[in-house]
C-alpha atoms as a PDB file:
ATOM      1  CA  MET A   1      40.026  30.204 -45.849  1.00  0.00           C
ATOM      2  CA  PRO A   2      38.783  29.865 -42.269  1.00  0.00           C
ATOM      3  CA  GLU A   3      35.855  27.780 -43.523  1.00  0.00           C
ATOM      4  CA  ARG A   4      38.188  25.477 -45.484  1.00  0.00           C
ATOM      5  CA  ALA A   5      40.527  25.136 -42.525  1.00  0.00           C
ATOM      6  CA  ARG A   6      37.720  23.752 -40.445  1.00  0.00           C
ATOM      7  CA  GLY A   7      36.976  20.965 -43.003  1.00  0.00           C
ATOM      8  CA  VAL A   8      36.873  17.301 -42.071  1.00  0.00           C
ATOM      9  CA  ASP A   9      39.752  17.666 -39.632  1.00  0.00           C
ATOM     10  CA  SER A  10      37.696  19.928 -37.373  1.00  0.00           C
ATOM     11  CA  TYR A  11      35.443  17.127 -36.133  1.00  0.00           C
ATOM     12  CA  GLU A  12      33.889  18.146 -32.842  1.00  0.00           C
ATOM     13  CA  PRO A  13      32.620  15.311 -30.614  1.00  0.00           C
ATOM     14  CA  ASP A  14      29.187  15.581 -29.079  1.00  0.00           C
ATOM     15  CA  ILE A  15      28.741  16.035 -25.331  1.00  0.00           C
ATOM     16  CA  GLY A  16      28.193  12.323 -24.824  1.00  0.00           C
ATOM     17  CA  GLU A  17      31.530  11.449 -26.386  1.00  0.00           C
ATOM     18  CA  VAL A  18      33.327  14.202 -24.438  1.00  0.00           C
ATOM     19  CA  LEU A  19      31.920  12.908 -21.148  1.00  0.00           C
ATOM     20  CA  TRP A  20      32.757   9.324 -22.092  1.00  0.00           C
ATOM     21  CA  ARG A  21      36.371  10.246 -22.819  1.00  0.00           C
ATOM     22  CA  ALA A  22      36.616  12.264 -19.612  1.00  0.00           C
ATOM     23  CA  TRP A  23      35.144   9.412 -17.567  1.00  0.00           C
ATOM     24  CA  LYS A  24      37.616   6.913 -18.999  1.00  0.00           C
ATOM     25  CA  ALA A  25      40.511   9.210 -18.088  1.00  0.00           C
ATOM     26  CA  MET A  26      39.419   9.885 -14.498  1.00  0.00           C
ATOM     27  CA  VAL A  27      41.562   8.775 -11.571  1.00  0.00           C
ATOM     28  CA  LEU A  28      39.740   8.958  -8.245  1.00  0.00           C
ATOM     29  CA  PRO A  29      40.761   8.428  -4.621  1.00  0.00           C
ATOM     30  CA  GLU A  30      40.078   4.950  -3.274  1.00  0.00           C
ATOM     31  CA  GLY A  31      36.405   4.383  -2.458  1.00  0.00           C
ATOM     32  CA  TYR A  32      35.087   7.135  -4.744  1.00  0.00           C
ATOM     33  CA  ARG A  33      33.191   6.271  -7.891  1.00  0.00           C
ATOM     34  CA  ALA A  34      32.292   8.112 -11.070  1.00  0.00           C
ATOM     35  CA  GLU A  35      29.294   7.328 -13.256  1.00  0.00           C
ATOM     36  CA  VAL A  36      28.256   8.699 -16.650  1.00  0.00           C
ATOM     37  CA  LEU A  37      24.497   9.248 -16.705  1.00  0.00           C
ATOM     38  CA  GLY A  38      22.981  11.300 -19.494  1.00  0.00           C
ATOM     39  CA  GLU A  39      24.848  14.580 -19.895  1.00  0.00           C
ATOM     40  CA  ALA A  40      26.709  14.474 -16.580  1.00  0.00           C
ATOM     41  CA  ILE A  41      29.446  12.659 -14.713  1.00  0.00           C
ATOM     42  CA  ASP A  42      28.329  11.888 -11.172  1.00  0.00           C
ATOM     43  CA  VAL A  43      31.086  11.460  -8.575  1.00  0.00           C
ATOM     44  CA  SER A  44      30.142  10.031  -5.189  1.00  0.00           C
ATOM     45  CA  ALA A  45      32.108   9.604  -1.978  1.00  0.00           C
ATOM     46  CA  PRO A  46      32.461   6.345  -0.028  1.00  0.00           C
ATOM     47  CA  ALA A  47      29.059   5.415   1.364  1.00  0.00           C
ATOM     48  CA  GLY A  48      30.052   4.398   4.882  1.00  0.00           C
ATOM     49  CA  ARG A  49      29.543   1.391   7.128  1.00  0.00           C
ATOM     50  CA  ARG A  50      25.761   0.819   7.039  1.00  0.00           C
ATOM     51  CA  PRO A  51      25.376   0.661   3.222  1.00  0.00           C
ATOM     52  CA  GLY A  52      28.287  -1.765   3.120  1.00  0.00           C
ATOM     53  CA  ILE A  53      26.543  -3.995   5.663  1.00  0.00           C
ATOM     54  CA  LEU A  54      23.306  -4.017   3.636  1.00  0.00           C
ATOM     55  CA  VAL A  55      25.101  -4.811   0.382  1.00  0.00           C
ATOM     56  CA  ASP A  56      26.997  -7.651   2.038  1.00  0.00           C
ATOM     57  CA  ARG A  57      23.759  -9.070   3.474  1.00  0.00           C
ATOM     58  CA  LEU A  58      22.133  -8.950   0.049  1.00  0.00           C
ATOM     59  CA  ARG A  59      25.103 -10.688  -1.543  1.00  0.00           C
ATOM     60  CA  LYS A  60      24.895 -13.472   1.036  1.00  0.00           C
ATOM     61  CA  ALA A  61      21.110 -13.741   0.569  1.00  0.00           C
ATOM     62  CA  LEU A  62      21.673 -14.333  -3.149  1.00  0.00           C
ATOM     63  CA  GLU A  63      24.231 -17.109  -2.705  1.00  0.00           C
ATOM     64  CA  ALA A  64      21.771 -19.969  -2.207  1.00  0.00           C
ATOM     65  CA  PRO A  65      19.230 -18.983  -4.919  1.00  0.00           C
ATOM     66  CA  LEU A  66      22.018 -18.500  -7.463  1.00  0.00           C
ATOM     67  CA  ALA A  67      24.021 -21.605  -6.528  1.00  0.00           C
ATOM     68  CA  GLY A  68      24.597 -24.002  -9.409  1.00  0.00           C
ATOM     69  CA  GLY A  69      23.173 -21.710 -12.068  1.00  0.00           C
ATOM     70  CA  GLY A  70      26.406 -20.110 -13.206  1.00  0.00           C
ATOM     71  CA  LEU A  71      25.448 -16.704 -11.806  1.00  0.00           C
ATOM     72  CA  VAL A  72      26.850 -14.914  -8.758  1.00  0.00           C
ATOM     73  CA  ALA A  73      26.480 -11.537  -7.071  1.00  0.00           C
ATOM     74  CA  HIS A  74      29.275  -9.064  -7.753  1.00  0.00           C
ATOM     75  CA  GLN A  75      30.113  -5.975  -5.704  1.00  0.00           C
ATOM     76  CA  GLY A  76      31.659  -3.088  -7.606  1.00  0.00           C
ATOM     77  CA  GLY A  77      32.537  -2.928 -11.281  1.00  0.00           C
ATOM     78  CA  ASN A  78      31.306  -0.931 -14.256  1.00  0.00           C
ATOM     79  CA  VAL A  79      27.995  -1.742 -15.926  1.00  0.00           C
ATOM     80  CA  ILE A  80      28.094  -0.156 -19.391  1.00  0.00           C
ATOM     81  CA  HIS A  81      25.482   0.770 -21.992  1.00  0.00           C
ATOM     82  CA  ARG A  82      25.931   3.074 -25.002  1.00  0.00           C
ATOM     83  CA  ARG A  83      28.892   5.157 -23.810  1.00  0.00           C
ATOM     84  CA  GLU A  84      27.374   5.536 -20.372  1.00  0.00           C
ATOM     85  CA  GLY A  85      28.150   3.597 -17.238  1.00  0.00           C
ATOM     86  CA  CYS A  86      27.075   2.969 -13.671  1.00  0.00           C
ATOM     87  CA  VAL A  87      28.876   1.376 -10.746  1.00  0.00           C
ATOM     88  CA  PRO A  88      26.048  -0.374  -8.884  1.00  0.00           C
ATOM     89  CA  ASP A  89      26.467  -1.482  -5.297  1.00  0.00           C
ATOM     90  CA  LEU A  90      25.718  -5.018  -6.465  1.00  0.00           C
ATOM     91  CA  PHE A  91      24.830  -6.775  -9.691  1.00  0.00           C
ATOM     92  CA  VAL A  92      24.178 -10.358 -10.732  1.00  0.00           C
ATOM     93  CA  GLY A  93      26.172 -11.825 -13.585  1.00  0.00           C
ATOM     94  CA  PRO A  94      28.128 -14.908 -14.638  1.00  0.00           C
ATOM     95  CA  GLU A  95      30.980 -16.020 -12.420  1.00  0.00           C
ATOM     96  CA  ASP A  96      33.361 -15.194 -15.254  1.00  0.00           C
ATOM     97  CA  LEU A  97      32.537 -11.631 -16.243  1.00  0.00           C
ATOM     98  CA  ASP A  98      34.568 -12.050 -19.429  1.00  0.00           C
ATOM     99  CA  GLU A  99      31.421 -13.738 -20.742  1.00  0.00           C
ATOM    100  CA  ILE A 100      29.559 -10.402 -20.857  1.00  0.00           C
ATOM    101  CA  PRO A 101      32.132  -7.691 -21.642  1.00  0.00           C
ATOM    102  CA  ASP A 102      31.122  -4.301 -22.969  1.00  0.00           C
ATOM    103  CA  GLU A 103      32.490  -3.263 -26.366  1.00  0.00           C
ATOM    104  CA  GLU A 104      35.538  -1.455 -24.967  1.00  0.00           C
ATOM    105  CA  GLY A 105      36.363  -3.957 -22.244  1.00  0.00           C
ATOM    106  CA  LEU A 106      35.799  -1.423 -19.461  1.00  0.00           C
ATOM    107  CA  GLY A 107      33.156  -3.402 -17.608  1.00  0.00           C
ATOM    108  CA  VAL A 108      30.159  -5.581 -18.364  1.00  0.00           C
ATOM    109  CA  ASP A 109      27.334  -5.207 -20.869  1.00  0.00           C
ATOM    110  CA  ALA A 110      24.274  -3.904 -18.981  1.00  0.00           C
ATOM    111  CA  THR A 111      21.901  -5.647 -21.390  1.00  0.00           C
ATOM    112  CA  ARG A 112      23.133  -9.026 -20.084  1.00  0.00           C
ATOM    113  CA  VAL A 113      22.811  -8.303 -16.363  1.00  0.00           C
ATOM    114  CA  PRO A 114      19.631  -9.766 -14.774  1.00  0.00           C
ATOM    115  CA  LEU A 115      19.632  -7.697 -11.570  1.00  0.00           C
ATOM    116  CA  VAL A 116      21.237  -4.574 -10.162  1.00  0.00           C
ATOM    117  CA  ALA A 117      20.870  -3.234  -6.632  1.00  0.00           C
ATOM    118  CA  GLU A 118      21.603   0.109  -5.047  1.00  0.00           C
ATOM    119  CA  VAL A 119      21.701   1.068  -1.360  1.00  0.00           C
ATOM    120  CA  VAL A 120      20.801   4.752  -1.095  1.00  0.00           C
ATOM    121  CA  SER A 121      23.186   7.122   0.681  1.00  0.00           C
ATOM    122  CA  PRO A 122      21.907  10.077   2.722  1.00  0.00           C
ATOM    123  CA  GLY A 123      20.891  13.266   0.940  1.00  0.00           C
ATOM    124  CA  ALA A 124      18.449  14.458  -1.700  1.00  0.00           C
ATOM    125  CA  ASP A 125      20.986  14.090  -4.518  1.00  0.00           C
ATOM    126  CA  ALA A 126      21.611  10.440  -3.671  1.00  0.00           C
ATOM    127  CA  HIS A 127      17.852   9.802  -3.513  1.00  0.00           C
ATOM    128  CA  ARG A 128      17.271  11.337  -6.955  1.00  0.00           C
ATOM    129  CA  ARG A 129      20.234   9.481  -8.416  1.00  0.00           C
ATOM    130  CA  ASP A 130      19.150   6.017  -7.263  1.00  0.00           C
ATOM    131  CA  HIS A 131      15.349   6.339  -7.420  1.00  0.00           C
ATOM    132  CA  ILE A 132      15.038   8.394 -10.601  1.00  0.00           C
ATOM    133  CA  ARG A 133      18.151   8.735 -12.756  1.00  0.00           C
ATOM    134  CA  LYS A 134      19.487   5.218 -12.317  1.00  0.00           C
ATOM    135  CA  GLN A 135      16.007   3.717 -12.534  1.00  0.00           C
ATOM    136  CA  ARG A 136      15.621   5.302 -15.978  1.00  0.00           C
ATOM    137  CA  TRP A 137      19.101   4.242 -17.044  1.00  0.00           C
ATOM    138  CA  TYR A 138      18.745   0.610 -15.975  1.00  0.00           C
ATOM    139  CA  ALA A 139      15.314   0.414 -17.633  1.00  0.00           C
ATOM    140  CA  GLN A 140      16.723   1.861 -20.854  1.00  0.00           C
ATOM    141  CA  ALA A 141      19.449  -0.784 -20.765  1.00  0.00           C
ATOM    142  CA  GLY A 142      16.798  -3.489 -20.328  1.00  0.00           C
ATOM    143  CA  VAL A 143      17.972  -4.748 -16.925  1.00  0.00           C
ATOM    144  CA  PRO A 144      15.107  -7.054 -15.809  1.00  0.00           C
ATOM    145  CA  VAL A 145      15.143  -6.205 -12.088  1.00  0.00           C
ATOM    146  CA  TYR A 146      16.328  -3.113 -10.227  1.00  0.00           C
ATOM    147  CA  LEU A 147      16.342  -3.275  -6.423  1.00  0.00           C
ATOM    148  CA  VAL A 148      16.653  -0.152  -4.234  1.00  0.00           C
ATOM    149  CA  ILE A 149      17.206  -0.338  -0.480  1.00  0.00           C
ATOM    150  CA  ASP A 150      16.703   3.032   1.195  1.00  0.00           C
ATOM    151  CA  ASP A 151      17.356   3.646   4.895  1.00  0.00           C
ATOM    152  CA  PHE A 152      16.354   7.294   4.481  1.00  0.00           C
ATOM    153  CA  ASP A 153      12.872   6.954   2.966  1.00  0.00           C
ATOM    154  CA  GLY A 154      10.658   7.298   6.043  1.00  0.00           C
ATOM    155  CA  GLN A 155      11.626   4.457   8.369  1.00  0.00           C
ATOM    156  CA  GLY A 156      13.228   2.656   5.441  1.00  0.00           C
ATOM    157  CA  THR A 157      11.881   1.113   2.233  1.00  0.00           C
ATOM    158  CA  VAL A 158      12.700  -1.588  -0.288  1.00  0.00           C
ATOM    159  CA  THR A 159      11.648  -0.955  -3.899  1.00  0.00           C
ATOM    160  CA  VAL A 160      11.643  -3.559  -6.665  1.00  0.00           C
ATOM    161  CA  PHE A 161      11.375  -2.358 -10.269  1.00  0.00           C
ATOM    162  CA  SER A 162      10.649  -4.976 -12.940  1.00  0.00           C
ATOM    163  CA  GLY A 163       9.448  -5.261 -16.529  1.00  0.00           C
ATOM    164  CA  PRO A 164      11.792  -2.800 -18.274  1.00  0.00           C
ATOM    165  CA  ALA A 165      10.532  -0.838 -21.277  1.00  0.00           C
ATOM    166  CA  PRO A 166      13.781   0.435 -22.855  1.00  0.00           C
ATOM    167  CA  GLU A 167      12.013   2.653 -25.382  1.00  0.00           C
ATOM    168  CA  ARG A 168      10.360   4.571 -22.512  1.00  0.00           C
ATOM    169  CA  ALA A 169      13.288   4.322 -20.077  1.00  0.00           C
ATOM    170  CA  ALA A 170      10.837   3.071 -17.466  1.00  0.00           C
ATOM    171  CA  TYR A 171       9.789  -0.064 -15.630  1.00  0.00           C
ATOM    172  CA  ALA A 172       6.270  -1.473 -15.970  1.00  0.00           C
ATOM    173  CA  THR A 173       6.078  -2.503 -12.317  1.00  0.00           C
ATOM    174  CA  LYS A 174       7.242  -0.776  -9.163  1.00  0.00           C
ATOM    175  CA  THR A 175       6.662  -2.309  -5.722  1.00  0.00           C
ATOM    176  CA  THR A 176       7.681  -0.377  -2.598  1.00  0.00           C
ATOM    177  CA  VAL A 177       7.346  -1.745   0.922  1.00  0.00           C
ATOM    178  CA  ALA A 178       8.395  -0.447   4.314  1.00  0.00           C
ATOM    179  CA  TYR A 179      11.143  -2.207   6.217  1.00  0.00           C
ATOM    180  CA  GLY A 180       9.661  -5.202   7.998  1.00  0.00           C
ATOM    181  CA  THR A 181       7.302  -6.076   5.128  1.00  0.00           C
ATOM    182  CA  PRO A 182       8.641  -8.863   2.872  1.00  0.00           C
ATOM    183  CA  VAL A 183       8.859  -8.202  -0.863  1.00  0.00           C
ATOM    184  CA  VAL A 184       9.493 -10.822  -3.552  1.00  0.00           C
ATOM    185  CA  VAL A 185      11.683 -10.401  -6.617  1.00  0.00           C
ATOM    186  CA  PRO A 186       9.262 -11.265  -9.457  1.00  0.00           C
ATOM    187  CA  ASP A 187      11.616 -12.086 -12.306  1.00  0.00           C
ATOM    188  CA  GLY A 188      15.106 -13.104 -13.358  1.00  0.00           C
ATOM    189  CA  PRO A 189      17.162 -16.298 -13.657  1.00  0.00           C
ATOM    190  CA  GLY A 190      18.035 -17.626 -10.216  1.00  0.00           C
ATOM    191  CA  ILE A 191      16.496 -14.625  -8.472  1.00  0.00           C
ATOM    192  CA  LYS A 192      12.784 -15.008  -9.206  1.00  0.00           C
ATOM    193  CA  GLY A 193      11.008 -15.623  -5.916  1.00  0.00           C
ATOM    194  CA  LEU A 194      13.833 -14.222  -3.767  1.00  0.00           C
ATOM    195  CA  GLU A 195      12.256 -12.652  -0.685  1.00  0.00           C
ATOM    196  CA  ILE A 196      13.734  -9.509   0.822  1.00  0.00           C
ATOM    197  CA  THR A 197      12.871  -9.513   4.517  1.00  0.00           C
ATOM    198  CA  GLU A 198      13.707  -7.710   7.738  1.00  0.00           C
ATOM    199  CA  ALA A 199      16.625 -10.096   8.188  1.00  0.00           C
ATOM    200  CA  LEU A 200      18.330  -8.127   5.435  1.00  0.00           C
ATOM    201  CA  THR A 201      17.205  -4.576   6.264  1.00  0.00           C
ATOM    202  CA  GLY A 202      17.101  -4.722  10.082  1.00  0.00           C
ATOM    203  CA  PRO A 203      19.658  -3.236  12.492  1.00  0.00           C
END
């Protein structure tokens, strides 16, 4: 009898589905964000003034290269792929994000986003999240370019990942330069050739 009672009505969701449901139901204080990465929900506190300045500078730096091409830089918002989701500091997408919705209408489809950028917060956990876990996730989703700005790596670094290999959850190319050394975005509509300089990362 116990075995029969379990039957088809005893469906038990896998951990991915449980986390996805939990993430969708979360209500966080203003400024906090929750992300579903692998078998964990990552909640992070507001990043503070300096990361906000860097993200705003990057958004402004993208305005001219993207002008007229139908793409703009967006701050905030869910980027979704296969019941997982990130909230990047900045991503490039169409002006009307209804053009690239995810299946459940909770954000945008990561496979149609040409660039994402993260500004690293202080702490080892934040470093691992942005440099390792998110790098794998964005590569798996096929995002062409992933940009990481890190005030806390030595005297500061900018890293550009490009050439995603989704089957390996890795990028073919990784270029890291210290603050003060220009680095060029190698790929992506409207962003190829964009140079990240000290004007963006300086005090």
